[in-house]
Full PDB file with SEQRES, HELIX, SHEET, SSBOND, CRYST1, ORIGX, SCALE, CONECT and MASTER records, all heavy atoms in Angstrom:
SEQRES   1 A   31  THR ASP TYR GLY ASP VAL ARG THR ARG ALA ALA ALA THR          
SEQRES   2 A   31  GLU VAL GLY ALA THR ALA PHE VAL VAL LYS GLU ASN LEU          
SEQRES   3 A   31  GLU GLU LEU ARG THR                                          
HELIX    1 AA1 VAL A    6  GLU A   14  1                                   9    
HELIX    2 AA2 LYS A   23  LEU A   29  5                                   7    
CRYST1    1.000    1.000    1.000  90.00  90.00  90.00 P 1           1          
ORIGX1      1.000000  0.000000  0.000000        0.00000                         
ORIGX2      0.000000  1.000000  0.000000        0.00000                         
ORIGX3      0.000000  0.000000  1.000000        0.00000                         
SCALE1      1.000000  0.000000  0.000000        0.00000                         
SCALE2      0.000000  1.000000  0.000000        0.00000                         
SCALE3      0.000000  0.000000  1.000000        0.00000                         
ATOM      1  N   THR A   1      12.157  74.115  83.067  1.00  0.00           N  
ATOM      2  CA  THR A   1      12.664  75.366  83.624  1.00  0.00           C  
ATOM      3  C   THR A   1      13.554  75.153  84.833  1.00  0.00           C  
ATOM      4  O   THR A   1      13.572  74.067  85.412  1.00  0.00           O  
ATOM      5  CB  THR A   1      11.473  76.281  84.005  1.00  0.00           C  
ATOM      6  OG1 THR A   1      11.963  77.527  84.496  1.00  0.00           O  
ATOM      7  CG2 THR A   1      10.598  75.636  85.053  1.00  0.00           C  
ATOM      8  N   ASP A   2      14.259  76.213  85.205  1.00  0.00           N  
ATOM      9  CA  ASP A   2      15.070  76.210  86.420  1.00  0.00           C  
ATOM     10  C   ASP A   2      14.226  76.453  87.657  1.00  0.00           C  
ATOM     11  O   ASP A   2      14.685  76.253  88.774  1.00  0.00           O  
ATOM     12  CB  ASP A   2      16.139  77.314  86.357  1.00  0.00           C  
ATOM     13  CG  ASP A   2      17.236  77.002  85.362  1.00  0.00           C  
ATOM     14  OD1 ASP A   2      17.668  75.844  85.292  1.00  0.00           O  
ATOM     15  OD2 ASP A   2      17.672  77.925  84.639  1.00  0.00           O  
ATOM     16  N   TYR A   3      13.011  76.934  87.477  1.00  0.00           N  
ATOM     17  CA  TYR A   3      12.192  77.405  88.583  1.00  0.00           C  
ATOM     18  C   TYR A   3      11.069  76.418  88.907  1.00  0.00           C  
ATOM     19  O   TYR A   3      10.160  76.231  88.121  1.00  0.00           O  
ATOM     20  CB  TYR A   3      11.603  78.773  88.245  1.00  0.00           C  
ATOM     21  CG  TYR A   3      12.670  79.724  87.747  1.00  0.00           C  
ATOM     22  CD1 TYR A   3      12.834  79.965  86.390  1.00  0.00           C  
ATOM     23  CD2 TYR A   3      13.545  80.335  88.644  1.00  0.00           C  
ATOM     24  CE1 TYR A   3      13.833  80.820  85.941  1.00  0.00           C  
ATOM     25  CE2 TYR A   3      14.550  81.177  88.194  1.00  0.00           C  
ATOM     26  CZ  TYR A   3      14.689  81.417  86.843  1.00  0.00           C  
ATOM     27  OH  TYR A   3      15.690  82.244  86.396  1.00  0.00           O  
ATOM     28  N   GLY A   4      11.129  75.818  90.081  1.00  0.00           N  
ATOM     29  CA  GLY A   4      10.125  74.835  90.466  1.00  0.00           C  
ATOM     30  C   GLY A   4       9.148  75.331  91.514  1.00  0.00           C  
ATOM     31  O   GLY A   4       8.436  74.539  92.113  1.00  0.00           O  
ATOM     32  N   ASP A   5       9.098  76.640  91.714  1.00  0.00           N  
ATOM     33  CA  ASP A   5       8.240  77.190  92.763  1.00  0.00           C  
ATOM     34  C   ASP A   5       6.760  77.103  92.385  1.00  0.00           C  
ATOM     35  O   ASP A   5       6.401  76.885  91.232  1.00  0.00           O  
ATOM     36  CB  ASP A   5       8.627  78.644  93.061  1.00  0.00           C  
ATOM     37  CG  ASP A   5       8.501  79.518  91.842  1.00  0.00           C  
ATOM     38  OD1 ASP A   5       9.463  79.552  91.036  1.00  0.00           O  
ATOM     39  OD2 ASP A   5       7.441  80.154  91.664  1.00  0.00           O  
ATOM     40  N   VAL A   6       5.925  77.301  93.379  1.00  0.00           N  
ATOM     41  CA  VAL A   6       4.479  77.161  93.215  1.00  0.00           C  
ATOM     42  C   VAL A   6       3.927  78.166  92.193  1.00  0.00           C  
ATOM     43  O   VAL A   6       3.080  77.814  91.371  1.00  0.00           O  
ATOM     44  CB  VAL A   6       3.769  77.323  94.589  1.00  0.00           C  
ATOM     45  CG1 VAL A   6       2.268  77.358  94.429  1.00  0.00           C  
ATOM     46  CG2 VAL A   6       4.189  76.215  95.521  1.00  0.00           C  
ATOM     47  N   ARG A   7       4.391  79.401  92.218  1.00  0.00           N  
ATOM     48  CA  ARG A   7       3.894  80.422  91.280  1.00  0.00           C  
ATOM     49  C   ARG A   7       4.213  80.052  89.830  1.00  0.00           C  
ATOM     50  O   ARG A   7       3.383  80.226  88.945  1.00  0.00           O  
ATOM     51  CB  ARG A   7       4.475  81.793  91.612  1.00  0.00           C  
ATOM     52  CG  ARG A   7       3.867  82.413  92.856  1.00  0.00           C  
ATOM     53  CD  ARG A   7       4.404  83.787  93.136  1.00  0.00           C  
ATOM     54  NE  ARG A   7       4.165  84.674  92.005  1.00  0.00           N  
ATOM     55  CZ  ARG A   7       4.843  85.780  91.778  1.00  0.00           C  
ATOM     56  NH1 ARG A   7       5.794  86.162  92.580  1.00  0.00           N  
ATOM     57  NH2 ARG A   7       4.552  86.528  90.722  1.00  0.00           N  
ATOM     58  N   THR A   8       5.418  79.564  89.597  1.00  0.00           N  
ATOM     59  CA  THR A   8       5.802  79.185  88.233  1.00  0.00           C  
ATOM     60  C   THR A   8       4.984  77.993  87.755  1.00  0.00           C  
ATOM     61  O   THR A   8       4.516  77.960  86.615  1.00  0.00           O  
ATOM     62  CB  THR A   8       7.310  78.866  88.163  1.00  0.00           C  
ATOM     63  OG1 THR A   8       8.044  79.998  88.659  1.00  0.00           O  
ATOM     64  CG2 THR A   8       7.752  78.572  86.749  1.00  0.00           C  
ATOM     65  N   ARG A   9       4.779  77.024  88.624  1.00  0.00           N  
ATOM     66  CA  ARG A   9       3.956  75.863  88.268  1.00  0.00           C  
ATOM     67  C   ARG A   9       2.517  76.275  87.977  1.00  0.00           C  
ATOM     68  O   ARG A   9       1.900  75.791  87.025  1.00  0.00           O  
ATOM     69  CB  ARG A   9       3.998  74.811  89.378  1.00  0.00           C  
ATOM     70  CG  ARG A   9       5.324  74.096  89.468  1.00  0.00           C  
ATOM     71  CD  ARG A   9       5.356  73.117  90.643  1.00  0.00           C  
ATOM     72  NE  ARG A   9       6.646  72.479  90.761  1.00  0.00           N  
ATOM     73  CZ  ARG A   9       7.009  71.353  90.153  1.00  0.00           C  
ATOM     74  NH1 ARG A   9       6.153  70.715  89.381  1.00  0.00           N  
ATOM     75  NH2 ARG A   9       8.203  70.854  90.315  1.00  0.00           N  
ATOM     76  N   ALA A  10       1.992  77.206  88.766  1.00  0.00           N  
ATOM     77  CA  ALA A  10       0.622  77.691  88.546  1.00  0.00           C  
ATOM     78  C   ALA A  10       0.530  78.433  87.215  1.00  0.00           C  
ATOM     79  O   ALA A  10      -0.442  78.264  86.469  1.00  0.00           O  
ATOM     80  CB  ALA A  10       0.185  78.593  89.699  1.00  0.00           C  
ATOM     81  N   ALA A  11       1.531  79.229  86.905  1.00  0.00           N  
ATOM     82  CA  ALA A  11       1.539  79.959  85.630  1.00  0.00           C  
ATOM     83  C   ALA A  11       1.599  78.986  84.458  1.00  0.00           C  
ATOM     84  O   ALA A  11       0.950  79.202  83.431  1.00  0.00           O  
ATOM     85  CB  ALA A  11       2.718  80.934  85.588  1.00  0.00           C  
ATOM     86  N   ALA A  12       2.358  77.909  84.604  1.00  0.00           N  
ATOM     87  CA  ALA A  12       2.432  76.891  83.545  1.00  0.00           C  
ATOM     88  C   ALA A  12       1.065  76.258  83.318  1.00  0.00           C  
ATOM     89  O   ALA A  12       0.643  76.056  82.172  1.00  0.00           O  
ATOM     90  CB  ALA A  12       3.467  75.831  83.916  1.00  0.00           C  
ATOM     91  N   THR A  13       0.365  75.972  84.393  1.00  0.00           N  
ATOM     92  CA  THR A  13      -0.980  75.406  84.284  1.00  0.00           C  
ATOM     93  C   THR A  13      -1.929  76.393  83.605  1.00  0.00           C  
ATOM     94  O   THR A  13      -2.731  75.996  82.755  1.00  0.00           O  
ATOM     95  CB  THR A  13      -1.509  75.024  85.682  1.00  0.00           C  
ATOM     96  OG1 THR A  13      -0.618  74.069  86.253  1.00  0.00           O  
ATOM     97  CG2 THR A  13      -2.900  74.434  85.604  1.00  0.00           C  
ATOM     98  N   GLU A  14      -1.809  77.649  83.942  1.00  0.00           N  
ATOM     99  CA  GLU A  14      -2.675  78.683  83.363  1.00  0.00           C  
ATOM    100  C   GLU A  14      -2.521  78.803  81.852  1.00  0.00           C  
ATOM    101  O   GLU A  14      -3.492  79.101  81.155  1.00  0.00           O  
ATOM    102  CB  GLU A  14      -2.395  80.042  84.006  1.00  0.00           C  
ATOM    103  CG  GLU A  14      -2.907  80.163  85.417  1.00  0.00           C  
ATOM    104  CD  GLU A  14      -2.507  81.474  86.064  1.00  0.00           C  
ATOM    105  OE1 GLU A  14      -2.186  82.445  85.344  1.00  0.00           O  
ATOM    106  OE2 GLU A  14      -2.512  81.529  87.307  1.00  0.00           O  
ATOM    107  N   VAL A  15      -1.311  78.593  81.332  1.00  0.00           N  
ATOM    108  CA  VAL A  15      -1.110  78.702  79.880  1.00  0.00           C  
ATOM    109  C   VAL A  15      -1.412  77.394  79.163  1.00  0.00           C  
ATOM    110  O   VAL A  15      -1.274  77.298  77.951  1.00  0.00           O  
ATOM    111  CB  VAL A  15       0.305  79.213  79.513  1.00  0.00           C  
ATOM    112  CG1 VAL A  15       0.547  80.587  80.100  1.00  0.00           C  
ATOM    113  CG2 VAL A  15       1.391  78.225  79.899  1.00  0.00           C  
ATOM    114  N   GLY A  16      -1.804  76.376  79.921  1.00  0.00           N  
ATOM    115  CA  GLY A  16      -2.212  75.117  79.297  1.00  0.00           C  
ATOM    116  C   GLY A  16      -1.140  74.056  79.196  1.00  0.00           C  
ATOM    117  O   GLY A  16      -1.301  73.078  78.462  1.00  0.00           O  
ATOM    118  N   ALA A  17      -0.047  74.220  79.929  1.00  0.00           N  
ATOM    119  CA  ALA A  17       0.999  73.199  79.892  1.00  0.00           C  
ATOM    120  C   ALA A  17       0.461  71.871  80.406  1.00  0.00           C  
ATOM    121  O   ALA A  17      -0.306  71.826  81.360  1.00  0.00           O  
ATOM    122  CB  ALA A  17       2.205  73.641  80.712  1.00  0.00           C  
ATOM    123  N   THR A  18       0.862  70.813  79.757  1.00  0.00           N  
ATOM    124  CA  THR A  18       0.460  69.463  80.120  1.00  0.00           C  
ATOM    125  C   THR A  18       1.313  68.933  81.266  1.00  0.00           C  
ATOM    126  O   THR A  18       0.852  68.128  82.065  1.00  0.00           O  
ATOM    127  CB  THR A  18       0.626  68.527  78.895  1.00  0.00           C  
ATOM    128  OG1 THR A  18      -0.045  69.117  77.788  1.00  0.00           O  
ATOM    129  CG2 THR A  18       0.082  67.149  79.151  1.00  0.00           C  
ATOM    130  N   ALA A  19       2.581  69.376  81.317  1.00  0.00           N  
ATOM    131  CA  ALA A  19       3.523  68.854  82.305  1.00  0.00           C  
ATOM    132  C   ALA A  19       4.543  69.922  82.658  1.00  0.00           C  
ATOM    133  O   ALA A  19       4.624  70.968  82.009  1.00  0.00           O  
ATOM    134  CB  ALA A  19       4.205  67.602  81.754  1.00  0.00           C  
ATOM    135  N   PHE A  20       5.349  69.618  83.668  1.00  0.00           N  
ATOM    136  CA  PHE A  20       6.320  70.558  84.205  1.00  0.00           C  
ATOM    137  C   PHE A  20       7.516  69.766  84.703  1.00  0.00           C  
ATOM    138  O   PHE A  20       7.353  68.827  85.494  1.00  0.00           O  
ATOM    139  CB  PHE A  20       5.666  71.320  85.357  1.00  0.00           C  
ATOM    140  CG  PHE A  20       6.455  72.480  85.886  1.00  0.00           C  
ATOM    141  CD1 PHE A  20       6.182  73.765  85.456  1.00  0.00           C  
ATOM    142  CD2 PHE A  20       7.452  72.291  86.835  1.00  0.00           C  
ATOM    143  CE1 PHE A  20       6.889  74.847  85.958  1.00  0.00           C  
ATOM    144  CE2 PHE A  20       8.159  73.362  87.336  1.00  0.00           C  
ATOM    145  CZ  PHE A  20       7.882  74.645  86.902  1.00  0.00           C  
ATOM    146  N   VAL A  21       8.730  70.119  84.254  1.00  0.00           N  
ATOM    147  CA  VAL A  21       9.948  69.443  84.700  1.00  0.00           C  
ATOM    148  C   VAL A  21      10.991  70.510  85.028  1.00  0.00           C  
ATOM    149  O   VAL A  21      11.204  71.439  84.245  1.00  0.00           O  
ATOM    150  CB  VAL A  21      10.492  68.479  83.614  1.00  0.00           C  
ATOM    151  CG1 VAL A  21      11.868  67.951  83.978  1.00  0.00           C  
ATOM    152  CG2 VAL A  21       9.521  67.324  83.386  1.00  0.00           C  
ATOM    153  N   VAL A  22      11.628  70.363  86.178  1.00  0.00           N  
ATOM    154  CA  VAL A  22      12.718  71.251  86.560  1.00  0.00           C  
ATOM    155  C   VAL A  22      13.994  70.734  85.895  1.00  0.00           C  
ATOM    156  O   VAL A  22      14.247  69.528  85.862  1.00  0.00           O  
ATOM    157  CB  VAL A  22      12.865  71.297  88.099  1.00  0.00           C  
ATOM    158  CG1 VAL A  22      14.028  72.193  88.505  1.00  0.00           C  
ATOM    159  CG2 VAL A  22      11.571  71.781  88.736  1.00  0.00           C  
ATOM    160  N   LYS A  23      14.800  71.662  85.357  1.00  0.00           N  
ATOM    161  CA  LYS A  23      15.974  71.275  84.570  1.00  0.00           C  
ATOM    162  C   LYS A  23      16.956  70.385  85.323  1.00  0.00           C  
ATOM    163  O   LYS A  23      17.629  69.563  84.704  1.00  0.00           O  
ATOM    164  CB  LYS A  23      16.692  72.520  84.038  1.00  0.00           C  
ATOM    165  CG  LYS A  23      15.920  73.198  82.933  1.00  0.00           C  
ATOM    166  CD  LYS A  23      16.626  74.435  82.451  1.00  0.00           C  
ATOM    167  CE  LYS A  23      15.814  75.109  81.348  1.00  0.00           C  
ATOM    168  NZ  LYS A  23      16.424  76.388  80.944  1.00  0.00           N  
ATOM    169  N   GLU A  24      17.036  70.514  86.622  1.00  0.00           N  
ATOM    170  CA  GLU A  24      17.956  69.660  87.370  1.00  0.00           C  
ATOM    171  C   GLU A  24      17.474  68.209  87.410  1.00  0.00           C  
ATOM    172  O   GLU A  24      18.220  67.318  87.813  1.00  0.00           O  
ATOM    173  CB  GLU A  24      18.172  70.186  88.780  1.00  0.00           C  
ATOM    174  CG  GLU A  24      16.949  70.145  89.657  1.00  0.00           C  
ATOM    175  CD  GLU A  24      17.182  70.811  91.004  1.00  0.00           C  
ATOM    176  OE1 GLU A  24      17.966  71.752  91.083  1.00  0.00           O  
ATOM    177  OE2 GLU A  24      16.553  70.360  91.973  1.00  0.00           O  
ATOM    178  N   ASN A  25      16.254  67.958  86.942  1.00  0.00           N  
ATOM    179  CA  ASN A  25      15.678  66.614  86.913  1.00  0.00           C  
ATOM    180  C   ASN A  25      15.288  66.205  85.494  1.00  0.00           C  
ATOM    181  O   ASN A  25      14.212  65.642  85.281  1.00  0.00           O  
ATOM    182  CB  ASN A  25      14.445  66.549  87.824  1.00  0.00           C  
ATOM    183  CG  ASN A  25      14.762  66.890  89.254  1.00  0.00           C  
ATOM    184  OD1 ASN A  25      15.805  66.506  89.774  1.00  0.00           O  
ATOM    185  ND2 ASN A  25      13.881  67.626  89.897  1.00  0.00           N  
ATOM    186  N   LEU A  26      16.143  66.444  84.531  1.00  0.00           N  
ATOM    187  CA  LEU A  26      15.806  66.172  83.129  1.00  0.00           C  
ATOM    188  C   LEU A  26      15.414  64.716  82.873  1.00  0.00           C  
ATOM    189  O   LEU A  26      14.642  64.444  81.964  1.00  0.00           O  
ATOM    190  CB  LEU A  26      16.961  66.555  82.205  1.00  0.00           C  
ATOM    191  CG  LEU A  26      17.189  68.041  81.984  1.00  0.00           C  
ATOM    192  CD1 LEU A  26      18.367  68.258  81.044  1.00  0.00           C  
ATOM    193  CD2 LEU A  26      15.935  68.726  81.445  1.00  0.00           C  
ATOM    194  N   GLU A  27      15.920  63.792  83.668  1.00  0.00           N  
ATOM    195  CA  GLU A  27      15.567  62.382  83.470  1.00  0.00           C  
ATOM    196  C   GLU A  27      14.063  62.157  83.609  1.00  0.00           C  
ATOM    197  O   GLU A  27      13.527  61.195  83.074  1.00  0.00           O  
ATOM    198  CB  GLU A  27      16.341  61.479  84.427  1.00  0.00           C  
ATOM    199  CG  GLU A  27      17.784  61.258  84.007  1.00  0.00           C  
ATOM    200  CD  GLU A  27      17.916  60.568  82.657  1.00  0.00           C  
ATOM    201  OE1 GLU A  27      17.205  59.574  82.405  1.00  0.00           O  
ATOM    202  OE2 GLU A  27      18.737  61.021  81.846  1.00  0.00           O  
ATOM    203  N   GLU A  28      13.360  63.052  84.317  1.00  0.00           N  
ATOM    204  CA  GLU A  28      11.909  62.942  84.439  1.00  0.00           C  
ATOM    205  C   GLU A  28      11.237  63.037  83.068  1.00  0.00           C  
ATOM    206  O   GLU A  28      10.118  62.546  82.895  1.00  0.00           O  
ATOM    207  CB  GLU A  28      11.353  64.028  85.361  1.00  0.00           C  
ATOM    208  CG  GLU A  28      11.691  63.816  86.807  1.00  0.00           C  
ATOM    209  CD  GLU A  28      11.139  64.908  87.713  1.00  0.00           C  
ATOM    210  OE1 GLU A  28      10.321  65.733  87.258  1.00  0.00           O  
ATOM    211  OE2 GLU A  28      11.537  64.931  88.888  1.00  0.00           O  
ATOM    212  N   LEU A  29      11.905  63.677  82.110  1.00  0.00           N  
ATOM    213  CA  LEU A  29      11.335  63.766  80.758  1.00  0.00           C  
ATOM    214  C   LEU A  29      11.127  62.382  80.172  1.00  0.00           C  
ATOM    215  O   LEU A  29      10.133  62.131  79.497  1.00  0.00           O  
ATOM    216  CB  LEU A  29      12.244  64.592  79.838  1.00  0.00           C  
ATOM    217  CG  LEU A  29      12.305  66.077  80.118  1.00  0.00           C  
ATOM    218  CD1 LEU A  29      13.393  66.733  79.271  1.00  0.00           C  
ATOM    219  CD2 LEU A  29      10.952  66.724  79.851  1.00  0.00           C  
ATOM    220  N   ARG A  30      12.042  61.496  80.423  1.00  0.00           N  
ATOM    221  CA  ARG A  30      11.920  60.133  79.883  1.00  0.00           C  
ATOM    222  C   ARG A  30      10.683  59.441  80.442  1.00  0.00           C  
ATOM    223  O   ARG A  30       9.948  58.785  79.716  1.00  0.00           O  
ATOM    224  CB  ARG A  30      13.179  59.339  80.186  1.00  0.00           C  
ATOM    225  CG  ARG A  30      14.420  59.938  79.522  1.00  0.00           C  
ATOM    226  CD  ARG A  30      15.667  59.158  79.836  1.00  0.00           C  
ATOM    227  NE  ARG A  30      15.605  57.828  79.283  1.00  0.00           N  
ATOM    228  CZ  ARG A  30      15.800  57.503  78.002  1.00  0.00           C  
ATOM    229  NH1 ARG A  30      16.063  58.452  77.129  1.00  0.00           N  
ATOM    230  NH2 ARG A  30      15.733  56.257  77.596  1.00  0.00           N  
ATOM    231  N   THR A  31      10.443  59.586  81.743  1.00  0.00           N  
ATOM    232  CA  THR A  31       9.260  58.991  82.363  1.00  0.00           C  
ATOM    233  C   THR A  31       7.992  59.616  81.794  1.00  0.00           C  
ATOM    234  O   THR A  31       7.012  58.919  81.526  1.00  0.00           O  
ATOM    235  CB  THR A  31       9.303  59.196  83.890  1.00  0.00           C  
ATOM    236  OG1 THR A  31      10.519  58.621  84.386  1.00  0.00           O  
ATOM    237  CG2 THR A  31       8.122  58.542  84.570  1.00  0.00           C  
TER     238      THR A  31                                                      
MASTER        0    0    0    2    0    0    0    6  237    1    0    3          
END                                                                             
């Protein structure tokens, strides 16, 4: 996502997301 704020990250955790990457850091997907 474009949004790396605390609320968005918390919402991702609530829905069961395993990980979170901000679009400006797509290279993190490789790691």
